Amino acid sequence: MKNAAAFWDRFAERYARSKISDMPAYTHTLERTRSFLKPEDRALELGCGTASTALELAGNVAEIVASDVSTKMIGIGQRKAAERGITNIRLVAADVCDPALGPGPYDVVMAFNLLHLVDDLPATLQHIRDLVKPGGLFISKTICLGDDAVPLKIRLFLKLVPLMRLIGLAPEVRSFSIEHLESWVRTAGFEIIEAGNFPASPPRRYLVAKRI
């Protein structure tokens, strides 16, 4: 966690200024996520970055906790929440296993653009299951860099990532296929009830899964 936190702390301001690369895909999955939320829900977003998505969804739930390993990301998110007058959000610097996430279980746990960055995805998904109430939802969107639909130029770029990590210009990134991702989600104790790729290439797999 320390290495990841240090990396994202360094790039927090740049990240906050960056634009969403595919706005139609982002908007589509945002609206699909909204359709599963209820006004009485307690929600948790893991790996929230500067809380842009959490702030968009705050009006659809009773309470949302937004967490990230980067304290600087969380600080930017707190500033944005204050500027927008959104008070039903709590931002916390924490990873998936941190007690600082507060008492669970949650009605909905979300992880957008996070799962390809964690050390041990099967174990992480087991921890996430413990954060979701029985019958509750886990909603995620994950780039699957081990899938056949990944363009050649991205495959070639991935070969440079180890070198970029050595000089502090990239985080640790893991490659896996959609098939592996969904298998791990099911093994963790979820039933997948909705799935799609938004965008299709490189595939960012959007999943809505119910805790069994």
N, C-alpha and C. Protein backbone atom coordinates (compact mmCIF):
# COMPACT_ATOMS: atom_id res chain seq x y z
N MET A 1 0.82 -1.21 0.00
CA MET A 1 0.00 0.00 0.00
C MET A 1 0.85 1.26 0.00
N LYS A 2 2.00 1.23 0.71
CA LYS A 2 2.82 2.42 0.82
C LYS A 2 3.34 2.87 -0.53
N ASN A 3 3.84 1.92 -1.35
CA ASN A 3 4.36 2.28 -2.66
C ASN A 3 3.26 2.85 -3.55
N ALA A 4 2.10 2.23 -3.54
CA ALA A 4 0.99 2.72 -4.35
C ALA A 4 0.55 4.10 -3.89
N ALA A 5 0.47 4.29 -2.57
CA ALA A 5 0.06 5.59 -2.04
C ALA A 5 1.04 6.68 -2.44
N ALA A 6 2.33 6.37 -2.36
CA ALA A 6 3.34 7.37 -2.71
C ALA A 6 3.24 7.73 -4.19
N PHE A 7 3.02 6.74 -5.05
CA PHE A 7 2.90 7.02 -6.48
C PHE A 7 1.72 7.93 -6.75
N TRP A 8 0.55 7.59 -6.22
CA TRP A 8 -0.65 8.37 -6.52
C TRP A 8 -0.63 9.73 -5.83
N ASP A 9 0.05 9.84 -4.70
CA ASP A 9 0.24 11.15 -4.08
C ASP A 9 1.00 12.08 -5.02
N ARG A 10 2.04 11.56 -5.67
CA ARG A 10 2.85 12.37 -6.58
C ARG A 10 2.04 12.87 -7.78
N PHE A 11 1.11 12.05 -8.23
CA PHE A 11 0.38 12.38 -9.45
C PHE A 11 -1.04 12.88 -9.19
N ALA A 12 -1.38 13.15 -7.93
CA ALA A 12 -2.76 13.50 -7.59
C ALA A 12 -3.24 14.75 -8.31
N GLU A 13 -2.45 15.81 -8.31
CA GLU A 13 -2.88 17.06 -8.94
C GLU A 13 -3.03 16.88 -10.45
N ARG A 14 -2.09 16.17 -11.07
CA ARG A 14 -2.19 15.91 -12.51
C ARG A 14 -3.41 15.05 -12.82
N TYR A 15 -3.64 14.06 -11.96
CA TYR A 15 -4.81 13.19 -12.14
C TYR A 15 -6.10 14.00 -12.06
N ALA A 16 -6.15 14.93 -11.13
CA ALA A 16 -7.35 15.74 -10.93
C ALA A 16 -7.64 16.61 -12.15
N ARG A 17 -6.60 17.00 -12.88
CA ARG A 17 -6.78 17.86 -14.06
C ARG A 17 -7.05 17.06 -15.34
N SER A 18 -6.82 15.75 -15.29
CA SER A 18 -6.96 14.93 -16.50
C SER A 18 -8.43 14.78 -16.88
N LYS A 19 -8.66 14.63 -18.19
CA LYS A 19 -10.01 14.47 -18.70
C LYS A 19 -10.34 12.98 -18.88
N ILE A 20 -11.61 12.67 -18.78
CA ILE A 20 -12.07 11.29 -19.01
C ILE A 20 -11.85 10.96 -20.48
N SER A 21 -11.19 9.85 -20.75
CA SER A 21 -10.79 9.52 -22.12
C SER A 21 -11.96 9.13 -23.02
N ASP A 22 -12.99 8.52 -22.46
CA ASP A 22 -14.15 8.10 -23.25
C ASP A 22 -15.41 8.49 -22.48
N MET A 23 -15.86 9.72 -22.69
CA MET A 23 -17.01 10.23 -21.93
C MET A 23 -18.29 9.44 -22.19
N PRO A 24 -18.62 9.05 -23.44
CA PRO A 24 -19.84 8.25 -23.63
C PRO A 24 -19.84 6.95 -22.83
N ALA A 25 -18.70 6.26 -22.79
CA ALA A 25 -18.62 5.01 -22.02
C ALA A 25 -18.77 5.29 -20.53
N TYR A 26 -18.11 6.37 -20.06
CA TYR A 26 -18.22 6.73 -18.64
C TYR A 26 -19.66 7.07 -18.28
N THR A 27 -20.30 7.88 -19.11
CA THR A 27 -21.68 8.29 -18.83
C THR A 27 -22.62 7.09 -18.83
N HIS A 28 -22.41 6.18 -19.75
CA HIS A 28 -23.28 5.00 -19.80
C HIS A 28 -23.17 4.18 -18.52
N THR A 29 -21.94 3.89 -18.09
CA THR A 29 -21.79 3.06 -16.89
C THR A 29 -22.21 3.83 -15.63
N LEU A 30 -22.06 5.14 -15.64
CA LEU A 30 -22.54 5.94 -14.51
C LEU A 30 -24.05 5.81 -14.38
N GLU A 31 -24.76 5.92 -15.51
CA GLU A 31 -26.21 5.82 -15.48
C GLU A 31 -26.67 4.41 -15.15
N ARG A 32 -25.96 3.40 -15.63
CA ARG A 32 -26.31 2.03 -15.26
C ARG A 32 -26.13 1.83 -13.76
N THR A 33 -25.06 2.38 -13.21
CA THR A 33 -24.83 2.27 -11.77
C THR A 33 -25.94 2.96 -11.00
N ARG A 34 -26.32 4.15 -11.42
CA ARG A 34 -27.42 4.88 -10.77
C ARG A 34 -28.69 4.04 -10.71
N SER A 35 -28.93 3.28 -11.77
CA SER A 35 -30.18 2.52 -11.84
C SER A 35 -30.26 1.43 -10.77
N PHE A 36 -29.13 1.06 -10.20
CA PHE A 36 -29.10 0.02 -9.17
C PHE A 36 -29.09 0.59 -7.75
N LEU A 37 -28.96 1.89 -7.62
CA LEU A 37 -28.88 2.52 -6.30
C LEU A 37 -30.25 2.92 -5.80
N LYS A 38 -30.41 2.87 -4.47
CA LYS A 38 -31.67 3.26 -3.85
C LYS A 38 -31.42 4.38 -2.84
N PRO A 39 -32.41 5.24 -2.61
CA PRO A 39 -32.22 6.40 -1.73
C PRO A 39 -31.79 6.03 -0.31
N GLU A 40 -32.13 4.84 0.14
CA GLU A 40 -31.79 4.42 1.51
C GLU A 40 -30.45 3.69 1.59
N ASP A 41 -29.76 3.51 0.50
CA ASP A 41 -28.52 2.72 0.48
C ASP A 41 -27.36 3.41 1.19
N ARG A 42 -26.52 2.57 1.84
CA ARG A 42 -25.18 2.98 2.27
C ARG A 42 -24.22 2.39 1.25
N ALA A 43 -23.44 3.25 0.62
CA ALA A 43 -22.56 2.81 -0.45
C ALA A 43 -21.11 3.09 -0.10
N LEU A 44 -20.24 2.30 -0.70
CA LEU A 44 -18.79 2.46 -0.53
C LEU A 44 -18.15 2.40 -1.89
N GLU A 45 -17.28 3.38 -2.19
CA GLU A 45 -16.46 3.28 -3.39
C GLU A 45 -15.01 3.11 -2.98
N LEU A 46 -14.39 2.06 -3.49
CA LEU A 46 -12.98 1.77 -3.25
C LEU A 46 -12.16 2.34 -4.41
N GLY A 47 -11.00 2.91 -4.09
CA GLY A 47 -10.15 3.48 -5.13
C GLY A 47 -10.84 4.64 -5.83
N CYS A 48 -11.37 5.57 -5.05
CA CYS A 48 -12.20 6.64 -5.59
C CYS A 48 -11.42 7.74 -6.29
N GLY A 49 -10.08 7.74 -6.19
CA GLY A 49 -9.32 8.84 -6.78
C GLY A 49 -9.69 10.15 -6.11
N THR A 50 -10.03 11.15 -6.90
CA THR A 50 -10.41 12.46 -6.35
C THR A 50 -11.92 12.56 -6.15
N ALA A 51 -12.60 11.43 -6.13
CA ALA A 51 -14.01 11.31 -5.74
C ALA A 51 -14.99 11.85 -6.78
N SER A 52 -14.56 12.00 -8.02
CA SER A 52 -15.47 12.54 -9.04
C SER A 52 -16.73 11.69 -9.19
N THR A 53 -16.56 10.37 -9.30
CA THR A 53 -17.71 9.50 -9.48
C THR A 53 -18.55 9.42 -8.20
N ALA A 54 -17.89 9.33 -7.05
CA ALA A 54 -18.62 9.28 -5.78
C ALA A 54 -19.49 10.51 -5.60
N LEU A 55 -18.99 11.67 -5.98
CA LEU A 55 -19.77 12.90 -5.86
C LEU A 55 -20.95 12.90 -6.82
N GLU A 56 -20.76 12.31 -8.00
CA GLU A 56 -21.87 12.22 -8.95
C GLU A 56 -22.98 11.31 -8.43
N LEU A 57 -22.61 10.28 -7.67
CA LEU A 57 -23.59 9.30 -7.19
C LEU A 57 -24.14 9.62 -5.80
N ALA A 58 -23.56 10.59 -5.12
CA ALA A 58 -23.96 10.89 -3.74
C ALA A 58 -25.45 11.22 -3.63
N GLY A 59 -26.00 11.86 -4.63
CA GLY A 59 -27.40 12.23 -4.58
C GLY A 59 -28.36 11.07 -4.76
N ASN A 60 -27.84 9.90 -5.07
CA ASN A 60 -28.69 8.72 -5.29
C ASN A 60 -28.73 7.77 -4.12
N VAL A 61 -27.98 8.08 -3.04
CA VAL A 61 -27.91 7.20 -1.88
C VAL A 61 -28.04 8.03 -0.60
N ALA A 62 -28.26 7.32 0.51
CA ALA A 62 -28.33 8.02 1.80
C ALA A 62 -26.96 8.47 2.26
N GLU A 63 -25.96 7.61 2.05
CA GLU A 63 -24.59 7.91 2.49
C GLU A 63 -23.61 7.19 1.58
N ILE A 64 -22.50 7.83 1.29
CA ILE A 64 -21.45 7.18 0.51
C ILE A 64 -20.10 7.42 1.17
N VAL A 65 -19.36 6.36 1.35
CA VAL A 65 -17.98 6.44 1.83
C VAL A 65 -17.09 6.26 0.60
N ALA A 66 -16.15 7.18 0.41
CA ALA A 66 -15.25 7.12 -0.74
C ALA A 66 -13.83 6.99 -0.22
N SER A 67 -13.13 5.93 -0.64
CA SER A 67 -11.80 5.66 -0.10
C SER A 67 -10.76 5.56 -1.20
N ASP A 68 -9.54 5.90 -0.84
CA ASP A 68 -8.41 5.77 -1.75
C ASP A 68 -7.14 5.67 -0.91
N VAL A 69 -6.11 5.01 -1.43
CA VAL A 69 -4.87 4.89 -0.67
C VAL A 69 -4.10 6.20 -0.62
N SER A 70 -4.40 7.12 -1.52
CA SER A 70 -3.67 8.38 -1.60
C SER A 70 -4.32 9.47 -0.74
N THR A 71 -3.60 9.96 0.24
CA THR A 71 -4.14 11.03 1.08
C THR A 71 -4.32 12.32 0.27
N LYS A 72 -3.48 12.53 -0.73
CA LYS A 72 -3.62 13.75 -1.54
C LYS A 72 -4.85 13.67 -2.44
N MET A 73 -5.13 12.50 -2.97
CA MET A 73 -6.37 12.32 -3.74
C MET A 73 -7.58 12.60 -2.85
N ILE A 74 -7.55 12.06 -1.64
CA ILE A 74 -8.66 12.26 -0.71
C ILE A 74 -8.80 13.74 -0.36
N GLY A 75 -7.69 14.43 -0.18
CA GLY A 75 -7.75 15.86 0.11
C GLY A 75 -8.41 16.64 -1.01
N ILE A 76 -8.08 16.31 -2.24
CA ILE A 76 -8.72 16.98 -3.38
C ILE A 76 -10.21 16.67 -3.40
N GLY A 77 -10.56 15.42 -3.13
CA GLY A 77 -11.97 15.03 -3.08
C GLY A 77 -12.73 15.78 -2.00
N GLN A 78 -12.13 15.96 -0.85
CA GLN A 78 -12.79 16.70 0.23
C GLN A 78 -13.03 18.15 -0.18
N ARG A 79 -12.07 18.72 -0.87
CA ARG A 79 -12.22 20.10 -1.34
C ARG A 79 -13.38 20.20 -2.35
N LYS A 80 -13.45 19.24 -3.25
CA LYS A 80 -14.52 19.25 -4.25
C LYS A 80 -15.89 19.07 -3.60
N ALA A 81 -15.96 18.19 -2.60
CA ALA A 81 -17.23 17.98 -1.89
C ALA A 81 -17.68 19.26 -1.20
N ALA A 82 -16.74 19.96 -0.56
CA ALA A 82 -17.07 21.21 0.13
C ALA A 82 -17.54 22.26 -0.87
N GLU A 83 -16.86 22.34 -2.01
CA GLU A 83 -17.23 23.34 -3.02
C GLU A 83 -18.64 23.09 -3.57
N ARG A 84 -19.02 21.84 -3.66
CA ARG A 84 -20.35 21.50 -4.19
C ARG A 84 -21.41 21.38 -3.11
N GLY A 85 -21.02 21.52 -1.85
CA GLY A 85 -21.97 21.45 -0.76
C GLY A 85 -22.56 20.07 -0.55
N ILE A 86 -21.82 19.03 -0.88
CA ILE A 86 -22.30 17.65 -0.71
C ILE A 86 -21.87 17.15 0.66
N THR A 87 -22.84 16.82 1.50
CA THR A 87 -22.54 16.50 2.90
C THR A 87 -22.75 15.03 3.26
N ASN A 88 -23.33 14.24 2.37
CA ASN A 88 -23.57 12.83 2.72
C ASN A 88 -22.45 11.93 2.22
N ILE A 89 -21.24 12.49 2.08
CA ILE A 89 -20.08 11.72 1.66
C ILE A 89 -19.00 11.81 2.73
N ARG A 90 -18.35 10.67 2.97
CA ARG A 90 -17.20 10.64 3.88
C ARG A 90 -16.02 10.11 3.11
N LEU A 91 -14.96 10.89 3.05
CA LEU A 91 -13.76 10.50 2.32
C LEU A 91 -12.69 10.03 3.29
N VAL A 92 -12.07 8.90 2.97
CA VAL A 92 -11.11 8.30 3.90
C VAL A 92 -9.94 7.71 3.13
N ALA A 93 -8.74 7.95 3.63
CA ALA A 93 -7.53 7.37 3.05
C ALA A 93 -7.37 5.95 3.60
N ALA A 94 -7.61 4.95 2.76
CA ALA A 94 -7.59 3.56 3.23
C ALA A 94 -7.56 2.62 2.05
N ASP A 95 -7.04 1.40 2.29
CA ASP A 95 -7.15 0.37 1.28
C ASP A 95 -8.33 -0.54 1.62
N VAL A 96 -8.49 -1.60 0.86
CA VAL A 96 -9.67 -2.45 1.00
C VAL A 96 -9.80 -3.08 2.38
N CYS A 97 -8.67 -3.37 3.02
CA CYS A 97 -8.68 -4.10 4.29
C CYS A 97 -8.64 -3.19 5.52
N ASP A 98 -8.65 -1.89 5.32
CA ASP A 98 -8.45 -0.95 6.43
C ASP A 98 -9.74 -0.79 7.25
N PRO A 99 -9.65 -0.93 8.59
CA PRO A 99 -10.82 -0.72 9.45
C PRO A 99 -11.39 0.70 9.34
N ALA A 100 -10.60 1.63 8.81
CA ALA A 100 -11.07 3.01 8.66
C ALA A 100 -12.25 3.13 7.71
N LEU A 101 -12.51 2.07 6.93
CA LEU A 101 -13.66 2.11 6.04
C LEU A 101 -14.97 2.15 6.82
N GLY A 102 -14.91 1.81 8.08
CA GLY A 102 -16.09 1.93 8.92
C GLY A 102 -16.89 0.65 8.99
N PRO A 103 -17.95 0.67 9.78
CA PRO A 103 -18.74 -0.54 9.98
C PRO A 103 -19.49 -0.93 8.72
N GLY A 104 -19.42 -2.19 8.39
CA GLY A 104 -20.19 -2.73 7.28
C GLY A 104 -21.29 -3.61 7.84
N PRO A 105 -21.95 -4.36 7.00
CA PRO A 105 -21.73 -4.37 5.56
C PRO A 105 -22.48 -3.23 4.87
N TYR A 106 -22.09 -2.96 3.63
CA TYR A 106 -22.73 -1.92 2.83
C TYR A 106 -23.76 -2.54 1.88
N ASP A 107 -24.72 -1.71 1.49
CA ASP A 107 -25.69 -2.16 0.49
C ASP A 107 -25.03 -2.34 -0.87
N VAL A 108 -24.12 -1.42 -1.18
CA VAL A 108 -23.43 -1.44 -2.48
C VAL A 108 -21.96 -1.10 -2.26
N VAL A 109 -21.08 -1.88 -2.85
CA VAL A 109 -19.65 -1.56 -2.88
C VAL A 109 -19.24 -1.42 -4.34
N MET A 110 -18.50 -0.37 -4.64
CA MET A 110 -18.09 -0.09 -6.02
C MET A 110 -16.58 0.01 -6.12
N ALA A 111 -16.05 -0.41 -7.26
CA ALA A 111 -14.61 -0.29 -7.54
C ALA A 111 -14.45 -0.04 -9.03
N PHE A 112 -14.15 1.19 -9.39
CA PHE A 112 -14.01 1.56 -10.79
C PHE A 112 -12.54 1.82 -11.11
N ASN A 113 -12.03 1.11 -12.11
CA ASN A 113 -10.64 1.29 -12.56
C ASN A 113 -9.64 1.04 -11.43
N LEU A 114 -9.90 0.03 -10.64
CA LEU A 114 -9.07 -0.30 -9.48
C LEU A 114 -8.50 -1.70 -9.53
N LEU A 115 -9.29 -2.68 -9.93
CA LEU A 115 -8.95 -4.08 -9.70
C LEU A 115 -7.68 -4.52 -10.42
N HIS A 116 -7.31 -3.86 -11.51
CA HIS A 116 -6.07 -4.23 -12.21
C HIS A 116 -4.83 -3.68 -11.51
N LEU A 117 -5.04 -2.93 -10.42
CA LEU A 117 -3.92 -2.32 -9.70
C LEU A 117 -3.64 -2.98 -8.35
N VAL A 118 -4.46 -3.94 -7.93
CA VAL A 118 -4.28 -4.54 -6.61
C VAL A 118 -3.30 -5.70 -6.68
N ASP A 119 -2.66 -6.00 -5.54
CA ASP A 119 -1.63 -7.04 -5.50
C ASP A 119 -2.18 -8.45 -5.73
N ASP A 120 -3.26 -8.77 -5.06
CA ASP A 120 -3.81 -10.13 -5.09
C ASP A 120 -5.31 -10.00 -5.31
N LEU A 121 -5.73 -10.07 -6.57
CA LEU A 121 -7.13 -9.81 -6.88
C LEU A 121 -8.09 -10.83 -6.27
N PRO A 122 -7.84 -12.13 -6.34
CA PRO A 122 -8.76 -13.07 -5.69
C PRO A 122 -8.95 -12.78 -4.20
N ALA A 123 -7.85 -12.48 -3.49
CA ALA A 123 -7.96 -12.17 -2.06
C ALA A 123 -8.70 -10.86 -1.84
N THR A 124 -8.45 -9.88 -2.70
CA THR A 124 -9.13 -8.59 -2.59
C THR A 124 -10.63 -8.75 -2.78
N LEU A 125 -11.02 -9.58 -3.72
CA LEU A 125 -12.45 -9.81 -3.95
C LEU A 125 -13.10 -10.50 -2.75
N GLN A 126 -12.37 -11.35 -2.08
CA GLN A 126 -12.90 -11.96 -0.86
C GLN A 126 -13.14 -10.91 0.22
N HIS A 127 -12.20 -9.96 0.36
CA HIS A 127 -12.38 -8.87 1.32
C HIS A 127 -13.58 -8.00 0.93
N ILE A 128 -13.71 -7.75 -0.37
CA ILE A 128 -14.85 -6.95 -0.83
C ILE A 128 -16.16 -7.64 -0.51
N ARG A 129 -16.21 -8.95 -0.70
CA ARG A 129 -17.43 -9.70 -0.37
C ARG A 129 -17.83 -9.46 1.09
N ASP A 130 -16.86 -9.43 1.98
CA ASP A 130 -17.15 -9.23 3.40
C ASP A 130 -17.72 -7.83 3.68
N LEU A 131 -17.48 -6.90 2.75
CA LEU A 131 -17.99 -5.53 2.92
C LEU A 131 -19.40 -5.35 2.39
N VAL A 132 -19.89 -6.36 1.65
CA VAL A 132 -21.22 -6.29 1.02
C VAL A 132 -22.21 -7.12 1.83
N LYS A 133 -23.37 -6.56 2.10
CA LYS A 133 -24.36 -7.32 2.85
C LYS A 133 -24.91 -8.46 1.99
N PRO A 134 -25.41 -9.55 2.58
CA PRO A 134 -26.02 -10.62 1.78
C PRO A 134 -27.13 -10.06 0.89
N GLY A 135 -27.05 -10.36 -0.39
CA GLY A 135 -28.01 -9.83 -1.34
C GLY A 135 -27.64 -8.46 -1.87
N GLY A 136 -26.59 -7.85 -1.30
CA GLY A 136 -26.15 -6.54 -1.76
C GLY A 136 -25.33 -6.65 -3.04
N LEU A 137 -24.90 -5.50 -3.55
CA LEU A 137 -24.27 -5.46 -4.86
C LEU A 137 -22.80 -5.03 -4.82
N PHE A 138 -22.04 -5.62 -5.71
CA PHE A 138 -20.68 -5.17 -6.01
C PHE A 138 -20.67 -4.74 -7.47
N ILE A 139 -20.34 -3.47 -7.70
CA ILE A 139 -20.34 -2.91 -9.05
C ILE A 139 -18.92 -2.46 -9.38
N SER A 140 -18.41 -2.93 -10.51
CA SER A 140 -17.02 -2.62 -10.85
C SER A 140 -16.86 -2.37 -12.34
N LYS A 141 -15.77 -1.71 -12.67
CA LYS A 141 -15.37 -1.53 -14.06
C LYS A 141 -13.86 -1.67 -14.11
N THR A 142 -13.38 -2.59 -14.94
CA THR A 142 -11.98 -2.99 -14.88
C THR A 142 -11.41 -3.18 -16.28
N ILE A 143 -10.27 -2.57 -16.56
CA ILE A 143 -9.61 -2.81 -17.82
C ILE A 143 -8.98 -4.20 -17.78
N CYS A 144 -9.24 -4.99 -18.81
CA CYS A 144 -8.75 -6.37 -18.87
C CYS A 144 -7.65 -6.44 -19.92
N LEU A 145 -6.43 -6.25 -19.48
CA LEU A 145 -5.30 -6.13 -20.40
C LEU A 145 -4.79 -7.47 -20.92
N GLY A 146 -5.30 -8.56 -20.39
CA GLY A 146 -4.91 -9.88 -20.86
C GLY A 146 -5.89 -10.44 -21.86
N ASP A 147 -6.87 -9.64 -22.28
CA ASP A 147 -7.90 -10.12 -23.18
C ASP A 147 -7.44 -10.00 -24.63
N ASP A 148 -8.01 -10.83 -25.50
CA ASP A 148 -7.64 -10.83 -26.91
C ASP A 148 -7.98 -9.51 -27.60
N ALA A 149 -8.94 -8.76 -27.05
CA ALA A 149 -9.37 -7.52 -27.69
C ALA A 149 -8.44 -6.34 -27.43
N VAL A 150 -7.38 -6.54 -26.66
CA VAL A 150 -6.44 -5.45 -26.38
C VAL A 150 -5.62 -5.17 -27.64
N PRO A 151 -5.60 -3.92 -28.11
CA PRO A 151 -4.85 -3.60 -29.33
C PRO A 151 -3.35 -3.86 -29.16
N LEU A 152 -2.69 -4.10 -30.31
CA LEU A 152 -1.27 -4.40 -30.29
C LEU A 152 -0.45 -3.27 -29.69
N LYS A 153 -0.80 -2.02 -29.97
CA LYS A 153 -0.02 -0.89 -29.46
C LYS A 153 -0.04 -0.84 -27.94
N ILE A 154 -1.15 -1.26 -27.34
CA ILE A 154 -1.21 -1.30 -25.87
C ILE A 154 -0.41 -2.47 -25.34
N ARG A 155 -0.44 -3.60 -26.04
CA ARG A 155 0.38 -4.74 -25.63
C ARG A 155 1.87 -4.37 -25.64
N LEU A 156 2.26 -3.62 -26.66
CA LEU A 156 3.66 -3.19 -26.73
C LEU A 156 3.98 -2.20 -25.62
N PHE A 157 3.05 -1.31 -25.33
CA PHE A 157 3.25 -0.34 -24.25
C PHE A 157 3.42 -1.04 -22.90
N LEU A 158 2.67 -2.11 -22.69
CA LEU A 158 2.75 -2.84 -21.42
C LEU A 158 4.14 -3.40 -21.17
N LYS A 159 4.87 -3.67 -22.24
CA LYS A 159 6.23 -4.18 -22.07
C LYS A 159 7.16 -3.11 -21.48
N LEU A 160 6.76 -1.84 -21.61
CA LEU A 160 7.57 -0.74 -21.07
C LEU A 160 7.23 -0.43 -19.61
N VAL A 161 6.11 -0.95 -19.13
CA VAL A 161 5.65 -0.61 -17.77
C VAL A 161 6.67 -0.95 -16.69
N PRO A 162 7.33 -2.13 -16.72
CA PRO A 162 8.33 -2.40 -15.67
C PRO A 162 9.43 -1.35 -15.60
N LEU A 163 9.91 -0.89 -16.77
CA LEU A 163 10.92 0.17 -16.79
C LEU A 163 10.36 1.47 -16.25
N MET A 164 9.14 1.80 -16.64
CA MET A 164 8.51 3.03 -16.16
C MET A 164 8.30 3.00 -14.65
N ARG A 165 8.01 1.80 -14.13
CA ARG A 165 7.85 1.67 -12.68
C ARG A 165 9.17 1.96 -11.96
N LEU A 166 10.27 1.52 -12.54
CA LEU A 166 11.58 1.72 -11.91
C LEU A 166 11.92 3.20 -11.76
N ILE A 167 11.44 4.03 -12.69
CA ILE A 167 11.74 5.46 -12.62
C ILE A 167 10.55 6.26 -12.09
N GLY A 168 9.56 5.55 -11.53
CA GLY A 168 8.45 6.21 -10.85
C GLY A 168 7.41 6.81 -11.74
N LEU A 169 7.29 6.34 -12.99
CA LEU A 169 6.34 6.94 -13.93
C LEU A 169 5.11 6.08 -14.18
N ALA A 170 5.02 4.96 -13.50
CA ALA A 170 3.85 4.08 -13.69
C ALA A 170 3.62 3.27 -12.43
N PRO A 171 2.37 2.96 -12.13
CA PRO A 171 2.08 2.06 -11.02
C PRO A 171 2.24 0.62 -11.48
N GLU A 172 2.16 -0.31 -10.56
CA GLU A 172 2.17 -1.72 -10.93
C GLU A 172 0.82 -2.08 -11.52
N VAL A 173 0.84 -2.67 -12.70
CA VAL A 173 -0.38 -2.99 -13.42
C VAL A 173 -0.42 -4.49 -13.70
N ARG A 174 -1.56 -5.10 -13.52
CA ARG A 174 -1.70 -6.53 -13.75
C ARG A 174 -2.62 -6.81 -14.93
N SER A 175 -2.23 -7.80 -15.70
CA SER A 175 -2.98 -8.18 -16.90
C SER A 175 -3.75 -9.48 -16.64
N PHE A 176 -5.02 -9.46 -16.98
CA PHE A 176 -5.84 -10.67 -16.91
C PHE A 176 -6.98 -10.52 -17.90
N SER A 177 -7.61 -11.62 -18.21
CA SER A 177 -8.69 -11.63 -19.19
C SER A 177 -10.04 -11.41 -18.51
N ILE A 178 -11.04 -11.11 -19.33
CA ILE A 178 -12.41 -11.00 -18.82
C ILE A 178 -12.83 -12.32 -18.19
N GLU A 179 -12.49 -13.42 -18.83
CA GLU A 179 -12.84 -14.74 -18.30
C GLU A 179 -12.28 -14.96 -16.90
N HIS A 180 -11.01 -14.59 -16.70
CA HIS A 180 -10.41 -14.74 -15.37
C HIS A 180 -11.06 -13.81 -14.35
N LEU A 181 -11.30 -12.56 -14.75
CA LEU A 181 -11.94 -11.61 -13.84
C LEU A 181 -13.28 -12.14 -13.36
N GLU A 182 -14.10 -12.58 -14.28
CA GLU A 182 -15.44 -13.04 -13.90
C GLU A 182 -15.37 -14.32 -13.07
N SER A 183 -14.41 -15.18 -13.37
CA SER A 183 -14.24 -16.40 -12.58
C SER A 183 -13.89 -16.06 -11.14
N TRP A 184 -12.98 -15.10 -10.94
CA TRP A 184 -12.58 -14.70 -9.59
C TRP A 184 -13.75 -14.04 -8.85
N VAL A 185 -14.54 -13.26 -9.55
CA VAL A 185 -15.71 -12.61 -8.93
C VAL A 185 -16.69 -13.68 -8.44
N ARG A 186 -16.95 -14.67 -9.28
CA ARG A 186 -17.88 -15.73 -8.88
C ARG A 186 -17.31 -16.56 -7.73
N THR A 187 -16.03 -16.87 -7.79
CA THR A 187 -15.40 -17.66 -6.73
C THR A 187 -15.46 -16.93 -5.39
N ALA A 188 -15.41 -15.61 -5.42
CA ALA A 188 -15.47 -14.83 -4.19
C ALA A 188 -16.85 -14.86 -3.54
N GLY A 189 -17.86 -15.34 -4.27
CA GLY A 189 -19.19 -15.46 -3.68
C GLY A 189 -20.22 -14.51 -4.25
N PHE A 190 -20.07 -14.16 -5.53
CA PHE A 190 -21.01 -13.26 -6.19
C PHE A 190 -21.66 -13.94 -7.38
N GLU A 191 -22.86 -13.50 -7.70
CA GLU A 191 -23.55 -13.88 -8.93
C GLU A 191 -23.56 -12.65 -9.85
N ILE A 192 -23.01 -12.78 -11.04
CA ILE A 192 -22.98 -11.66 -11.98
C ILE A 192 -24.35 -11.51 -12.62
N ILE A 193 -24.94 -10.32 -12.49
CA ILE A 193 -26.29 -10.09 -13.02
C ILE A 193 -26.30 -9.13 -14.20
N GLU A 194 -25.19 -8.43 -14.43
CA GLU A 194 -25.09 -7.57 -15.62
C GLU A 194 -23.62 -7.44 -15.98
N ALA A 195 -23.34 -7.43 -17.29
CA ALA A 195 -21.95 -7.31 -17.73
C ALA A 195 -21.90 -6.68 -19.11
N GLY A 196 -20.81 -5.97 -19.37
CA GLY A 196 -20.61 -5.38 -20.69
C GLY A 196 -19.26 -4.71 -20.76
N ASN A 197 -18.82 -4.38 -21.96
CA ASN A 197 -17.54 -3.71 -22.16
C ASN A 197 -17.77 -2.27 -22.61
N PHE A 198 -17.32 -1.32 -21.81
CA PHE A 198 -17.53 0.11 -22.09
C PHE A 198 -16.27 0.88 -21.73
N PRO A 199 -15.38 1.14 -22.73
CA PRO A 199 -15.48 0.81 -24.15
C PRO A 199 -15.11 -0.64 -24.43
N ALA A 200 -15.24 -1.00 -25.70
CA ALA A 200 -14.97 -2.38 -26.09
C ALA A 200 -13.49 -2.67 -26.26
N SER A 201 -12.70 -1.63 -26.62
CA SER A 201 -11.28 -1.86 -26.88
C SER A 201 -10.46 -0.65 -26.43
N PRO A 202 -9.48 -0.88 -25.53
CA PRO A 202 -9.28 -2.13 -24.80
C PRO A 202 -10.46 -2.37 -23.86
N PRO A 203 -10.85 -3.61 -23.64
CA PRO A 203 -12.09 -3.86 -22.91
C PRO A 203 -12.03 -3.42 -21.45
N ARG A 204 -12.97 -2.57 -21.09
CA ARG A 204 -13.18 -2.21 -19.68
C ARG A 204 -14.46 -2.90 -19.25
N ARG A 205 -14.31 -3.98 -18.52
CA ARG A 205 -15.44 -4.84 -18.18
C ARG A 205 -16.25 -4.24 -17.04
N TYR A 206 -17.50 -3.96 -17.34
CA TYR A 206 -18.43 -3.44 -16.32
C TYR A 206 -19.24 -4.62 -15.79
N LEU A 207 -19.21 -4.80 -14.47
CA LEU A 207 -19.91 -5.90 -13.84
C LEU A 207 -20.81 -5.41 -12.72
N VAL A 208 -21.99 -5.96 -12.65
CA VAL A 208 -22.85 -5.80 -11.48
C VAL A 208 -23.06 -7.20 -10.94
N ALA A 209 -22.64 -7.40 -9.69
CA ALA A 209 -22.68 -8.74 -9.10
C ALA A 209 -23.38 -8.70 -7.74
N LYS A 210 -24.20 -9.68 -7.48
CA LYS A 210 -24.94 -9.77 -6.23
C LYS A 210 -24.27 -10.76 -5.31
N ARG A 211 -24.09 -10.35 -4.03
CA ARG A 211 -23.52 -11.28 -3.06
C ARG A 211 -24.51 -12.40 -2.78
N ILE A 212 -24.03 -13.61 -2.92
CA ILE A 212 -24.87 -14.77 -2.69
C ILE A 212 -25.02 -15.03 -1.20
